[in-house]
């Protein structure tokens, strides 16, 4: 995984009583997965039978730039693994690129869960850019749960960012396309970005491109 946000394993009573355990904010990141990795983000929990300890909350995933590079024997690459329908993801203002060697670029992949739970999560899509030809899942493993908002996605055959720096290309499909931020993330604004040369944080304009940085 690029990011693995799963259940606690030592202090269950304390974690479940903490509201922060049930909400996650992932934003402003440049994420490049190695060719050996096929799933970008896992949210919920790992262990079947421990579903009562899962996150059971909402992941807010916004203004990130993601490049998936899975190659060789890995024919599919997946953006999200939401453990159960007790987990929800709100996903907007991101750029998702899949390298050409990926046969099945997909939004979701599933996991085994105990009786009484439904895998797949609830994934709500706002405006994002994604490589054309993407699907909800690979052809042989349909994912239960819900995928909503597919009509909001912007697609293209050419990445709208430089794949080395991840900076949006001038006049590309990422420039100026960001939607308004959801009110639930007002306390976590996208105020800074990382300079592509020095990697030092600098202020980011409020009129935004899709992804983690401005063009």
N, C-alpha and C. Protein backbone atom coordinates (compact mmCIF):
# COMPACT_ATOMS: atom_id res chain seq x y z
N UNK A 1 0.82 -1.20 0.00
CA UNK A 1 0.00 0.00 0.00
C UNK A 1 0.86 1.26 0.00
N UNK A 2 0.32 2.31 -0.66
CA UNK A 2 0.94 3.60 -0.49
C UNK A 2 0.62 4.18 0.88
N UNK A 3 -0.63 4.03 1.30
CA UNK A 3 -1.09 4.49 2.62
C UNK A 3 -1.98 3.41 3.20
N UNK A 4 -1.74 3.05 4.46
CA UNK A 4 -2.48 1.96 5.11
C UNK A 4 -3.07 2.48 6.42
N UNK A 5 -4.36 2.78 6.43
CA UNK A 5 -5.05 3.33 7.60
C UNK A 5 -6.02 2.28 8.12
N UNK A 6 -5.54 1.46 9.03
CA UNK A 6 -6.34 0.32 9.48
C UNK A 6 -6.61 0.38 10.98
N UNK A 7 -7.14 -0.72 11.53
CA UNK A 7 -7.63 -0.70 12.91
C UNK A 7 -6.49 -0.68 13.91
N UNK A 8 -6.82 -0.16 15.11
CA UNK A 8 -5.86 -0.23 16.20
C UNK A 8 -5.73 -1.69 16.65
N UNK A 9 -4.65 -2.00 17.36
CA UNK A 9 -4.44 -3.38 17.80
C UNK A 9 -4.12 -3.49 19.28
N UNK A 10 -4.09 -2.37 20.02
CA UNK A 10 -3.70 -2.45 21.42
C UNK A 10 -4.67 -1.77 22.38
N UNK A 11 -5.27 -0.65 21.98
CA UNK A 11 -6.09 0.14 22.89
C UNK A 11 -7.45 0.40 22.27
N UNK A 12 -8.20 -0.66 22.04
CA UNK A 12 -9.46 -0.56 21.34
C UNK A 12 -10.47 0.34 22.00
N UNK A 13 -10.64 0.25 23.30
CA UNK A 13 -11.63 1.06 24.00
C UNK A 13 -11.31 2.54 23.86
N UNK A 14 -10.05 2.87 24.00
CA UNK A 14 -9.62 4.27 23.90
C UNK A 14 -9.81 4.77 22.47
N UNK A 15 -9.38 3.99 21.49
CA UNK A 15 -9.46 4.42 20.10
C UNK A 15 -10.90 4.62 19.66
N UNK A 16 -11.77 3.66 19.95
CA UNK A 16 -13.15 3.74 19.50
C UNK A 16 -13.89 4.91 20.13
N UNK A 17 -13.47 5.34 21.30
CA UNK A 17 -14.12 6.46 21.97
C UNK A 17 -13.61 7.81 21.49
N UNK A 18 -12.55 7.81 20.71
CA UNK A 18 -11.95 9.06 20.23
C UNK A 18 -12.54 9.41 18.86
N UNK A 19 -13.25 10.53 18.72
CA UNK A 19 -13.83 10.89 17.42
C UNK A 19 -12.79 10.97 16.31
N UNK A 20 -11.56 11.33 16.64
CA UNK A 20 -10.53 11.46 15.62
C UNK A 20 -10.19 10.12 14.97
N UNK A 21 -10.47 9.02 15.67
CA UNK A 21 -10.19 7.69 15.11
C UNK A 21 -11.09 7.40 13.91
N UNK A 22 -12.23 8.06 13.84
CA UNK A 22 -13.22 7.76 12.81
C UNK A 22 -13.20 8.75 11.65
N UNK A 23 -12.21 9.62 11.61
CA UNK A 23 -12.09 10.58 10.52
C UNK A 23 -10.62 10.69 10.12
N UNK A 24 -10.37 10.67 8.80
CA UNK A 24 -9.00 10.81 8.31
C UNK A 24 -8.98 11.83 7.18
N UNK A 25 -7.93 12.65 7.16
CA UNK A 25 -7.77 13.69 6.14
C UNK A 25 -6.44 13.43 5.43
N UNK A 26 -6.51 13.14 4.15
CA UNK A 26 -5.30 12.90 3.35
C UNK A 26 -5.35 13.89 2.19
N UNK A 27 -4.44 14.87 2.18
CA UNK A 27 -4.51 15.92 1.17
C UNK A 27 -3.14 16.52 0.91
N UNK A 28 -2.97 17.02 -0.31
CA UNK A 28 -1.74 17.72 -0.68
C UNK A 28 -0.53 16.83 -0.87
N UNK A 29 -0.76 15.54 -1.15
CA UNK A 29 0.36 14.59 -1.27
C UNK A 29 0.67 14.25 -2.73
N UNK A 30 1.94 14.02 -3.00
CA UNK A 30 2.39 13.46 -4.27
C UNK A 30 2.78 12.00 -4.00
N UNK A 31 2.00 11.09 -4.54
CA UNK A 31 2.13 9.67 -4.21
C UNK A 31 2.49 8.90 -5.48
N UNK A 32 3.67 8.28 -5.48
CA UNK A 32 4.11 7.46 -6.61
C UNK A 32 4.37 6.06 -6.08
N UNK A 33 3.55 5.10 -6.50
CA UNK A 33 3.73 3.74 -6.03
C UNK A 33 4.81 3.03 -6.84
N UNK A 34 5.62 2.20 -6.20
CA UNK A 34 6.61 1.41 -6.94
C UNK A 34 5.90 0.37 -7.80
N UNK A 35 6.56 -0.16 -8.83
CA UNK A 35 5.93 -1.16 -9.69
C UNK A 35 5.45 -2.40 -8.94
N UNK A 36 6.04 -2.69 -7.78
CA UNK A 36 5.66 -3.88 -7.02
C UNK A 36 4.38 -3.69 -6.22
N UNK A 37 3.85 -2.48 -6.15
CA UNK A 37 2.67 -2.20 -5.33
C UNK A 37 1.47 -1.93 -6.23
N UNK A 38 0.33 -2.54 -5.90
CA UNK A 38 -0.84 -2.42 -6.79
C UNK A 38 -2.04 -1.75 -6.14
N UNK A 39 -1.97 -1.40 -4.84
CA UNK A 39 -3.09 -0.73 -4.18
C UNK A 39 -2.57 0.56 -3.53
N UNK A 40 -3.23 1.67 -3.85
CA UNK A 40 -2.75 2.97 -3.37
C UNK A 40 -3.10 3.21 -1.91
N UNK A 41 -4.38 2.97 -1.51
CA UNK A 41 -4.78 3.32 -0.15
C UNK A 41 -5.76 2.29 0.41
N UNK A 42 -5.52 1.90 1.65
CA UNK A 42 -6.38 0.95 2.38
C UNK A 42 -6.93 1.68 3.60
N UNK A 43 -8.26 1.66 3.74
CA UNK A 43 -8.88 2.35 4.87
C UNK A 43 -9.92 1.44 5.52
N UNK A 44 -9.78 1.22 6.81
CA UNK A 44 -10.75 0.41 7.55
C UNK A 44 -10.08 -0.51 8.53
N UNK A 45 -9.69 -1.70 8.07
CA UNK A 45 -9.06 -2.67 8.95
C UNK A 45 -8.49 -3.83 8.18
N UNK A 46 -7.64 -4.60 8.84
CA UNK A 46 -6.93 -5.70 8.21
C UNK A 46 -7.54 -7.07 8.48
N UNK A 47 -7.92 -7.31 9.73
CA UNK A 47 -8.12 -8.68 10.18
C UNK A 47 -9.59 -9.07 10.20
N UNK A 48 -9.91 -10.14 9.47
CA UNK A 48 -11.27 -10.66 9.50
C UNK A 48 -11.59 -11.14 10.91
N UNK A 49 -12.78 -10.81 11.39
CA UNK A 49 -13.15 -11.11 12.77
C UNK A 49 -12.93 -9.95 13.71
N UNK A 50 -12.20 -8.92 13.25
CA UNK A 50 -11.95 -7.74 14.08
C UNK A 50 -12.69 -6.51 13.57
N UNK A 51 -13.75 -6.73 12.80
CA UNK A 51 -14.46 -5.61 12.18
C UNK A 51 -15.00 -4.60 13.18
N UNK A 52 -15.30 -5.04 14.40
CA UNK A 52 -15.80 -4.10 15.41
C UNK A 52 -14.77 -3.03 15.75
N UNK A 53 -13.49 -3.31 15.46
CA UNK A 53 -12.42 -2.36 15.76
C UNK A 53 -12.04 -1.51 14.54
N UNK A 54 -12.67 -1.75 13.40
CA UNK A 54 -12.32 -1.01 12.19
C UNK A 54 -12.60 0.49 12.35
N UNK A 55 -12.12 1.27 11.41
CA UNK A 55 -12.21 2.73 11.51
C UNK A 55 -13.65 3.25 11.57
N UNK A 56 -14.54 2.64 10.79
CA UNK A 56 -15.97 2.99 10.83
C UNK A 56 -16.19 4.50 10.78
N UNK A 57 -15.62 5.12 9.76
CA UNK A 57 -15.72 6.56 9.66
C UNK A 57 -15.56 7.02 8.23
N UNK A 58 -15.05 8.25 8.07
CA UNK A 58 -14.94 8.87 6.75
C UNK A 58 -13.51 9.28 6.47
N UNK A 59 -13.05 8.91 5.29
CA UNK A 59 -11.77 9.34 4.76
C UNK A 59 -12.03 10.49 3.79
N UNK A 60 -11.36 11.61 4.01
CA UNK A 60 -11.42 12.74 3.08
C UNK A 60 -10.10 12.75 2.31
N UNK A 61 -10.18 12.52 1.00
CA UNK A 61 -8.99 12.39 0.16
C UNK A 61 -9.09 13.44 -0.94
N UNK A 62 -8.25 14.50 -0.85
CA UNK A 62 -8.43 15.62 -1.77
C UNK A 62 -7.10 16.29 -2.10
N UNK A 63 -7.04 16.84 -3.30
CA UNK A 63 -5.86 17.56 -3.80
C UNK A 63 -4.58 16.75 -3.65
N UNK A 64 -4.63 15.51 -4.07
CA UNK A 64 -3.45 14.66 -4.15
C UNK A 64 -3.16 14.34 -5.62
N UNK A 65 -1.89 14.08 -5.92
CA UNK A 65 -1.50 13.59 -7.25
C UNK A 65 -0.93 12.19 -7.07
N UNK A 66 -1.51 11.23 -7.78
CA UNK A 66 -1.17 9.82 -7.59
C UNK A 66 -0.75 9.21 -8.92
N UNK A 67 0.38 8.50 -8.91
CA UNK A 67 0.82 7.76 -10.08
C UNK A 67 0.97 6.29 -9.69
N UNK A 68 0.23 5.42 -10.37
CA UNK A 68 0.35 3.98 -10.16
C UNK A 68 1.19 3.38 -11.28
N UNK A 69 2.17 2.54 -10.91
CA UNK A 69 3.16 2.04 -11.86
C UNK A 69 3.20 0.52 -11.91
N UNK A 70 2.20 -0.17 -11.33
CA UNK A 70 2.24 -1.65 -11.24
C UNK A 70 2.51 -2.26 -12.61
N UNK A 71 3.46 -3.19 -12.65
CA UNK A 71 3.89 -3.76 -13.93
C UNK A 71 4.05 -5.28 -13.80
N UNK A 72 4.53 -5.89 -14.88
CA UNK A 72 4.89 -7.31 -14.87
C UNK A 72 3.69 -8.21 -14.65
N UNK A 73 3.76 -9.06 -13.63
CA UNK A 73 2.70 -10.03 -13.39
C UNK A 73 1.48 -9.40 -12.74
N UNK A 74 1.59 -8.16 -12.31
CA UNK A 74 0.45 -7.47 -11.69
C UNK A 74 -0.34 -6.79 -12.80
N UNK A 75 -1.48 -7.37 -13.17
CA UNK A 75 -2.25 -6.85 -14.30
C UNK A 75 -3.22 -5.77 -13.91
N UNK A 76 -3.55 -5.68 -12.64
CA UNK A 76 -4.47 -4.66 -12.18
C UNK A 76 -3.80 -3.73 -11.20
N UNK A 77 -4.27 -2.50 -11.16
CA UNK A 77 -3.82 -1.53 -10.14
C UNK A 77 -5.07 -0.83 -9.62
N UNK A 78 -5.10 -0.57 -8.33
CA UNK A 78 -6.32 -0.15 -7.66
C UNK A 78 -6.04 1.06 -6.78
N UNK A 79 -6.97 2.00 -6.78
CA UNK A 79 -6.78 3.21 -5.98
C UNK A 79 -7.18 3.01 -4.53
N UNK A 80 -8.33 2.38 -4.29
CA UNK A 80 -8.84 2.32 -2.92
C UNK A 80 -9.28 0.90 -2.54
N UNK A 81 -8.95 0.52 -1.32
CA UNK A 81 -9.53 -0.66 -0.67
C UNK A 81 -10.21 -0.16 0.61
N UNK A 82 -11.53 -0.02 0.55
CA UNK A 82 -12.32 0.36 1.71
C UNK A 82 -12.88 -0.93 2.30
N UNK A 83 -12.59 -1.16 3.57
CA UNK A 83 -12.82 -2.50 4.13
C UNK A 83 -14.27 -2.92 4.15
N UNK A 84 -15.16 -2.07 4.70
CA UNK A 84 -16.57 -2.43 4.81
C UNK A 84 -17.42 -1.20 4.50
N UNK A 85 -18.72 -1.40 4.40
CA UNK A 85 -19.62 -0.26 4.17
C UNK A 85 -19.80 0.60 5.41
N UNK A 86 -19.11 0.28 6.49
CA UNK A 86 -19.02 1.20 7.62
C UNK A 86 -17.95 2.27 7.39
N UNK A 87 -17.19 2.11 6.30
CA UNK A 87 -16.16 3.09 5.92
C UNK A 87 -16.60 3.82 4.64
N UNK A 88 -16.45 5.15 4.66
CA UNK A 88 -16.81 5.99 3.52
C UNK A 88 -15.59 6.81 3.11
N UNK A 89 -15.45 7.04 1.80
CA UNK A 89 -14.41 7.93 1.30
C UNK A 89 -15.04 9.03 0.46
N UNK A 90 -14.67 10.27 0.76
CA UNK A 90 -15.02 11.42 -0.05
C UNK A 90 -13.77 11.82 -0.83
N UNK A 91 -13.85 11.81 -2.16
CA UNK A 91 -12.65 11.89 -3.00
C UNK A 91 -12.86 12.98 -4.06
N UNK A 92 -12.04 14.03 -4.03
CA UNK A 92 -12.22 15.11 -5.01
C UNK A 92 -10.92 15.88 -5.20
N UNK A 93 -10.82 16.55 -6.35
CA UNK A 93 -9.70 17.44 -6.70
C UNK A 93 -8.36 16.71 -6.80
N UNK A 94 -8.39 15.44 -7.14
CA UNK A 94 -7.16 14.65 -7.28
C UNK A 94 -6.83 14.40 -8.75
N UNK A 95 -5.59 14.02 -8.99
CA UNK A 95 -5.15 13.50 -10.29
C UNK A 95 -4.70 12.06 -10.07
N UNK A 96 -5.29 11.14 -10.84
CA UNK A 96 -4.96 9.71 -10.75
C UNK A 96 -4.43 9.25 -12.10
N UNK A 97 -3.15 8.90 -12.17
CA UNK A 97 -2.59 8.41 -13.43
C UNK A 97 -2.16 6.95 -13.28
N UNK A 98 -2.46 6.17 -14.31
CA UNK A 98 -2.05 4.77 -14.39
C UNK A 98 -1.07 4.64 -15.55
N UNK A 99 0.08 4.02 -15.32
CA UNK A 99 1.05 3.82 -16.39
C UNK A 99 0.50 2.88 -17.46
N UNK A 100 0.99 2.99 -18.70
CA UNK A 100 0.43 2.22 -19.81
C UNK A 100 0.48 0.70 -19.63
N UNK A 101 1.44 0.18 -18.87
CA UNK A 101 1.54 -1.27 -18.70
C UNK A 101 0.48 -1.89 -17.82
N UNK A 102 -0.37 -1.08 -17.23
CA UNK A 102 -1.42 -1.59 -16.34
C UNK A 102 -2.62 -1.99 -17.17
N UNK A 103 -2.94 -3.27 -17.16
CA UNK A 103 -4.03 -3.78 -18.00
C UNK A 103 -5.39 -3.36 -17.49
N UNK A 104 -5.56 -3.37 -16.17
CA UNK A 104 -6.86 -3.07 -15.58
C UNK A 104 -6.73 -1.94 -14.55
N UNK A 105 -6.80 -0.68 -14.98
CA UNK A 105 -6.80 0.43 -14.03
C UNK A 105 -8.16 0.51 -13.34
N UNK A 106 -8.18 0.46 -12.02
CA UNK A 106 -9.46 0.34 -11.30
C UNK A 106 -9.52 1.28 -10.11
N UNK A 107 -10.74 1.66 -9.77
CA UNK A 107 -10.97 2.52 -8.62
C UNK A 107 -10.90 1.75 -7.32
N UNK A 108 -11.50 0.54 -7.26
CA UNK A 108 -11.64 -0.17 -5.99
C UNK A 108 -11.22 -1.63 -6.11
N UNK A 109 -10.79 -2.17 -5.00
CA UNK A 109 -10.61 -3.61 -4.84
C UNK A 109 -11.17 -3.99 -3.48
N UNK A 110 -11.51 -5.25 -3.32
CA UNK A 110 -12.23 -5.69 -2.13
C UNK A 110 -11.32 -6.45 -1.19
N UNK A 111 -11.89 -6.90 -0.07
CA UNK A 111 -11.19 -7.78 0.86
C UNK A 111 -12.21 -8.70 1.51
N UNK A 112 -11.72 -9.77 2.11
CA UNK A 112 -12.61 -10.70 2.80
C UNK A 112 -13.02 -10.11 4.14
N UNK A 113 -14.32 -10.15 4.42
CA UNK A 113 -14.83 -9.67 5.71
C UNK A 113 -15.76 -10.71 6.30
N UNK A 114 -16.02 -10.58 7.58
CA UNK A 114 -16.81 -11.56 8.32
C UNK A 114 -18.28 -11.48 7.94
N UNK A 115 -19.02 -12.52 8.30
CA UNK A 115 -20.46 -12.57 8.08
C UNK A 115 -21.12 -11.37 8.76
N UNK A 116 -22.06 -10.75 8.07
CA UNK A 116 -22.74 -9.58 8.61
C UNK A 116 -22.17 -8.27 8.16
N UNK A 117 -21.02 -8.31 7.46
CA UNK A 117 -20.41 -7.10 6.93
C UNK A 117 -20.37 -7.16 5.41
N UNK A 118 -20.41 -6.01 4.77
CA UNK A 118 -20.30 -5.91 3.33
C UNK A 118 -19.01 -5.18 2.98
N UNK A 119 -18.20 -5.77 2.15
CA UNK A 119 -16.92 -5.17 1.75
C UNK A 119 -17.14 -4.07 0.72
N UNK A 120 -16.09 -3.35 0.40
CA UNK A 120 -16.11 -2.39 -0.69
C UNK A 120 -16.28 -0.96 -0.29
N UNK A 121 -16.87 -0.70 0.89
CA UNK A 121 -17.04 0.66 1.36
C UNK A 121 -18.04 1.46 0.54
N UNK A 122 -18.12 2.73 0.85
CA UNK A 122 -18.95 3.69 0.11
C UNK A 122 -18.01 4.79 -0.37
N UNK A 123 -17.79 4.88 -1.67
CA UNK A 123 -16.83 5.82 -2.23
C UNK A 123 -17.58 6.86 -3.05
N UNK A 124 -17.48 8.12 -2.65
CA UNK A 124 -18.17 9.23 -3.31
C UNK A 124 -17.16 10.09 -4.05
N UNK A 125 -17.32 10.20 -5.36
CA UNK A 125 -16.38 10.92 -6.20
C UNK A 125 -16.90 12.32 -6.53
N UNK A 126 -16.04 13.31 -6.33
CA UNK A 126 -16.28 14.64 -6.87
C UNK A 126 -15.53 14.78 -8.17
N UNK A 127 -15.03 15.98 -8.45
CA UNK A 127 -14.25 16.22 -9.66
C UNK A 127 -12.82 15.72 -9.43
N UNK A 128 -12.37 14.81 -10.28
CA UNK A 128 -11.01 14.30 -10.28
C UNK A 128 -10.62 14.03 -11.73
N UNK A 129 -9.31 14.02 -12.01
CA UNK A 129 -8.84 13.55 -13.32
C UNK A 129 -8.34 12.13 -13.16
N UNK A 130 -8.65 11.27 -14.18
CA UNK A 130 -8.20 9.88 -14.14
C UNK A 130 -7.91 9.39 -15.55
N UNK A 131 -6.97 8.49 -15.69
CA UNK A 131 -6.63 7.92 -16.99
C UNK A 131 -7.83 7.23 -17.62
N UNK A 132 -8.08 7.50 -18.88
CA UNK A 132 -9.20 6.90 -19.60
C UNK A 132 -9.09 5.38 -19.59
N UNK A 133 -10.26 4.73 -19.57
CA UNK A 133 -10.29 3.27 -19.55
C UNK A 133 -10.40 2.68 -18.16
N UNK A 134 -10.50 3.52 -17.14
CA UNK A 134 -10.61 3.02 -15.77
C UNK A 134 -11.97 2.36 -15.57
N UNK A 135 -12.03 1.49 -14.58
CA UNK A 135 -13.28 0.82 -14.20
C UNK A 135 -13.39 0.80 -12.69
N UNK A 136 -14.54 0.40 -12.19
CA UNK A 136 -14.72 0.28 -10.75
C UNK A 136 -13.78 -0.77 -10.18
N UNK A 137 -13.67 -1.92 -10.87
CA UNK A 137 -12.84 -3.03 -10.38
C UNK A 137 -12.27 -3.77 -11.58
N UNK A 138 -11.48 -4.80 -11.33
CA UNK A 138 -11.03 -5.62 -12.45
C UNK A 138 -12.20 -6.50 -12.92
N UNK A 139 -12.12 -7.09 -14.12
CA UNK A 139 -13.28 -7.79 -14.69
C UNK A 139 -13.74 -9.00 -13.90
N UNK A 140 -12.87 -9.62 -13.09
CA UNK A 140 -13.21 -10.89 -12.45
C UNK A 140 -13.56 -10.77 -10.98
N UNK A 141 -13.38 -9.59 -10.41
CA UNK A 141 -13.63 -9.43 -8.97
C UNK A 141 -14.49 -8.19 -8.72
N UNK A 142 -15.78 -8.26 -9.03
CA UNK A 142 -16.65 -7.12 -8.74
C UNK A 142 -16.65 -6.81 -7.25
N UNK A 143 -16.75 -5.53 -6.94
CA UNK A 143 -16.65 -5.08 -5.56
C UNK A 143 -18.05 -4.66 -5.09
N UNK A 144 -18.51 -5.19 -3.94
CA UNK A 144 -19.78 -4.73 -3.40
C UNK A 144 -19.65 -3.32 -2.83
N UNK A 145 -20.58 -2.91 -1.98
CA UNK A 145 -20.55 -1.54 -1.49
C UNK A 145 -21.08 -0.60 -2.57
N UNK A 146 -20.58 0.63 -2.58
CA UNK A 146 -21.09 1.64 -3.51
C UNK A 146 -19.95 2.47 -4.10
N UNK A 147 -20.08 2.77 -5.39
CA UNK A 147 -19.24 3.76 -6.05
C UNK A 147 -20.17 4.80 -6.64
N UNK A 148 -20.10 6.02 -6.14
CA UNK A 148 -21.00 7.09 -6.56
C UNK A 148 -20.22 8.25 -7.18
N UNK A 149 -20.82 8.91 -8.17
CA UNK A 149 -20.23 10.12 -8.74
C UNK A 149 -19.30 9.90 -9.91
N UNK A 150 -19.36 8.74 -10.55
CA UNK A 150 -18.47 8.48 -11.69
C UNK A 150 -18.60 9.54 -12.77
N UNK A 151 -19.79 10.12 -12.89
CA UNK A 151 -20.03 11.14 -13.93
C UNK A 151 -19.24 12.41 -13.69
N UNK A 152 -18.68 12.58 -12.50
CA UNK A 152 -17.91 13.79 -12.19
C UNK A 152 -16.45 13.70 -12.65
N UNK A 153 -16.02 12.51 -13.04
CA UNK A 153 -14.61 12.31 -13.37
C UNK A 153 -14.26 12.91 -14.72
N UNK A 154 -13.07 13.52 -14.80
CA UNK A 154 -12.49 14.00 -16.06
C UNK A 154 -11.48 12.94 -16.51
N UNK A 155 -11.57 12.50 -17.75
CA UNK A 155 -10.67 11.45 -18.24
C UNK A 155 -9.87 11.94 -19.44
N UNK A 156 -8.74 11.29 -19.65
CA UNK A 156 -7.91 11.61 -20.80
C UNK A 156 -6.89 10.51 -21.02
N UNK A 157 -6.32 10.47 -22.20
CA UNK A 157 -5.32 9.44 -22.51
C UNK A 157 -3.90 9.91 -22.21
N UNK A 158 -3.71 11.21 -22.08
CA UNK A 158 -2.40 11.77 -21.77
C UNK A 158 -2.44 12.38 -20.38
N UNK A 159 -1.52 11.99 -19.50
CA UNK A 159 -1.53 12.56 -18.14
C UNK A 159 -1.47 14.09 -18.18
N UNK A 160 -2.23 14.77 -17.32
CA UNK A 160 -2.23 16.23 -17.30
C UNK A 160 -1.10 16.81 -16.45
N UNK A 161 -0.20 15.93 -15.97
CA UNK A 161 0.93 16.37 -15.16
C UNK A 161 2.22 15.79 -15.72
N UNK A 162 3.32 16.45 -15.43
CA UNK A 162 4.64 15.90 -15.74
C UNK A 162 4.87 14.71 -14.81
N UNK A 163 5.14 13.55 -15.36
CA UNK A 163 5.24 12.35 -14.53
C UNK A 163 6.50 12.30 -13.68
N UNK A 164 7.44 13.19 -13.90
CA UNK A 164 8.62 13.26 -13.05
C UNK A 164 8.41 14.23 -11.89
N UNK A 165 7.94 15.43 -12.19
CA UNK A 165 7.76 16.44 -11.16
C UNK A 165 6.35 16.43 -10.57
N UNK A 166 5.39 15.85 -11.32
CA UNK A 166 3.96 15.82 -10.97
C UNK A 166 3.33 17.21 -10.99
N UNK A 167 3.98 18.16 -11.64
CA UNK A 167 3.43 19.50 -11.82
C UNK A 167 2.45 19.48 -12.99
N UNK A 168 1.26 20.10 -12.85
CA UNK A 168 0.31 20.15 -13.97
C UNK A 168 0.91 20.80 -15.20
N UNK A 169 0.56 20.27 -16.36
CA UNK A 169 1.03 20.83 -17.61
C UNK A 169 0.20 22.06 -17.97
N UNK A 170 0.86 23.10 -18.45
CA UNK A 170 0.15 24.31 -18.84
C UNK A 170 -0.92 23.99 -19.87
N UNK A 171 -2.11 24.52 -19.68
CA UNK A 171 -3.25 24.30 -20.57
C UNK A 171 -3.73 22.85 -20.57
N UNK A 172 -3.28 22.06 -19.60
CA UNK A 172 -3.73 20.68 -19.50
C UNK A 172 -5.06 20.56 -18.77
N UNK A 173 -5.55 19.33 -18.69
CA UNK A 173 -6.88 19.08 -18.13
C UNK A 173 -6.96 19.25 -16.62
N UNK A 174 -5.83 19.44 -15.96
CA UNK A 174 -5.86 19.64 -14.51
C UNK A 174 -5.92 21.11 -14.12
N UNK A 175 -5.60 21.99 -15.05
CA UNK A 175 -5.43 23.41 -14.72
C UNK A 175 -6.79 24.07 -14.49
N UNK A 176 -6.94 24.66 -13.31
CA UNK A 176 -8.14 25.43 -13.01
C UNK A 176 -9.42 24.64 -12.87
N UNK A 177 -9.33 23.32 -12.69
CA UNK A 177 -10.52 22.48 -12.68
C UNK A 177 -11.01 22.11 -11.28
N UNK A 178 -10.33 22.54 -10.24
CA UNK A 178 -10.70 22.11 -8.90
C UNK A 178 -12.07 22.63 -8.50
N UNK A 179 -12.84 21.78 -7.84
CA UNK A 179 -14.14 22.18 -7.31
C UNK A 179 -13.95 22.85 -5.95
N UNK A 180 -15.02 23.46 -5.45
CA UNK A 180 -14.97 24.04 -4.11
C UNK A 180 -14.74 22.94 -3.07
N UNK A 181 -14.00 23.28 -2.02
CA UNK A 181 -13.74 22.30 -0.97
C UNK A 181 -15.02 21.99 -0.19
N UNK A 182 -15.12 20.77 0.29
CA UNK A 182 -16.26 20.39 1.10
C UNK A 182 -16.19 21.12 2.45
N UNK A 183 -17.32 21.51 2.99
CA UNK A 183 -17.30 22.23 4.27
C UNK A 183 -16.71 21.41 5.41
N UNK A 184 -16.75 20.09 5.29
CA UNK A 184 -16.22 19.23 6.37
C UNK A 184 -14.71 19.36 6.53
N UNK A 185 -14.00 19.92 5.53
CA UNK A 185 -12.54 20.03 5.64
C UNK A 185 -12.09 21.47 5.83
N UNK A 186 -12.98 22.33 6.28
CA UNK A 186 -12.62 23.74 6.44
C UNK A 186 -11.45 23.94 7.39
N UNK A 187 -11.31 23.06 8.36
CA UNK A 187 -10.21 23.18 9.32
C UNK A 187 -8.90 22.64 8.76
N UNK A 188 -8.95 22.04 7.57
CA UNK A 188 -7.76 21.45 6.96
C UNK A 188 -7.62 21.97 5.53
N UNK A 189 -7.35 23.26 5.36
CA UNK A 189 -7.25 23.83 4.01
C UNK A 189 -5.97 23.42 3.31
N UNK A 190 -6.02 23.45 1.99
CA UNK A 190 -4.82 23.17 1.19
C UNK A 190 -4.08 24.49 1.03
N UNK A 191 -3.33 24.87 2.04
CA UNK A 191 -2.69 26.18 2.08
C UNK A 191 -1.28 26.20 1.52
N UNK A 192 -0.66 25.02 1.42
CA UNK A 192 0.74 24.94 0.98
C UNK A 192 0.91 23.85 -0.07
N UNK A 193 1.99 23.97 -0.81
CA UNK A 193 2.40 22.94 -1.76
C UNK A 193 3.91 22.80 -1.70
N UNK A 194 4.42 21.70 -2.22
CA UNK A 194 5.86 21.45 -2.21
C UNK A 194 6.47 21.90 -3.53
N UNK A 195 7.48 22.74 -3.46
CA UNK A 195 8.18 23.17 -4.66
C UNK A 195 8.83 21.98 -5.34
N UNK A 196 8.67 21.87 -6.67
CA UNK A 196 9.14 20.69 -7.41
C UNK A 196 10.66 20.62 -7.50
N UNK A 197 11.35 21.72 -7.24
CA UNK A 197 12.81 21.75 -7.34
C UNK A 197 13.45 21.62 -5.95
N UNK A 198 13.01 22.44 -5.01
CA UNK A 198 13.64 22.46 -3.69
C UNK A 198 12.93 21.56 -2.68
N UNK A 199 11.69 21.17 -2.97
CA UNK A 199 10.85 20.38 -2.05
C UNK A 199 10.58 21.10 -0.75
N UNK A 200 10.61 22.42 -0.80
CA UNK A 200 10.29 23.25 0.36
C UNK A 200 8.85 23.71 0.22
N UNK A 201 8.11 23.68 1.33
CA UNK A 201 6.71 24.11 1.30
C UNK A 201 6.61 25.59 1.01
N UNK A 202 5.62 25.94 0.19
CA UNK A 202 5.36 27.33 -0.13
C UNK A 202 3.85 27.54 -0.22
N UNK A 203 3.38 28.77 -0.04
CA UNK A 203 1.93 29.02 -0.09
C UNK A 203 1.34 28.60 -1.43
N UNK A 204 0.10 28.12 -1.36
CA UNK A 204 -0.60 27.69 -2.57
C UNK A 204 -1.79 28.61 -2.82
N UNK A 205 -2.02 29.00 -4.07
CA UNK A 205 -3.18 29.86 -4.37
C UNK A 205 -4.50 29.15 -4.03
N UNK A 206 -5.52 29.96 -3.80
CA UNK A 206 -6.82 29.38 -3.46
C UNK A 206 -7.61 28.98 -4.71
N UNK A 207 -7.30 29.57 -5.88
CA UNK A 207 -7.89 29.12 -7.14
C UNK A 207 -7.02 28.00 -7.67
N UNK A 208 -7.52 26.79 -7.65
CA UNK A 208 -6.64 25.64 -7.73
C UNK A 208 -6.74 24.84 -9.02
N UNK A 209 -5.60 24.21 -9.32
CA UNK A 209 -5.57 23.11 -10.26
C UNK A 209 -5.94 21.82 -9.51
N UNK A 210 -6.27 20.79 -10.25
CA UNK A 210 -6.41 19.47 -9.64
C UNK A 210 -5.03 18.97 -9.21
N UNK A 211 -4.99 18.19 -8.16
CA UNK A 211 -3.74 17.59 -7.73
C UNK A 211 -3.09 18.34 -6.57
N UNK A 212 -1.83 17.98 -6.31
CA UNK A 212 -1.13 18.44 -5.13
C UNK A 212 -0.41 19.77 -5.29
N UNK A 213 -0.13 20.18 -6.54
CA UNK A 213 0.61 21.41 -6.77
C UNK A 213 0.00 22.17 -7.94
N UNK A 214 0.37 23.46 -8.04
CA UNK A 214 -0.10 24.30 -9.14
C UNK A 214 0.88 24.25 -10.32
N UNK A 215 0.38 24.59 -11.50
CA UNK A 215 1.25 24.60 -12.68
C UNK A 215 2.13 25.86 -12.68
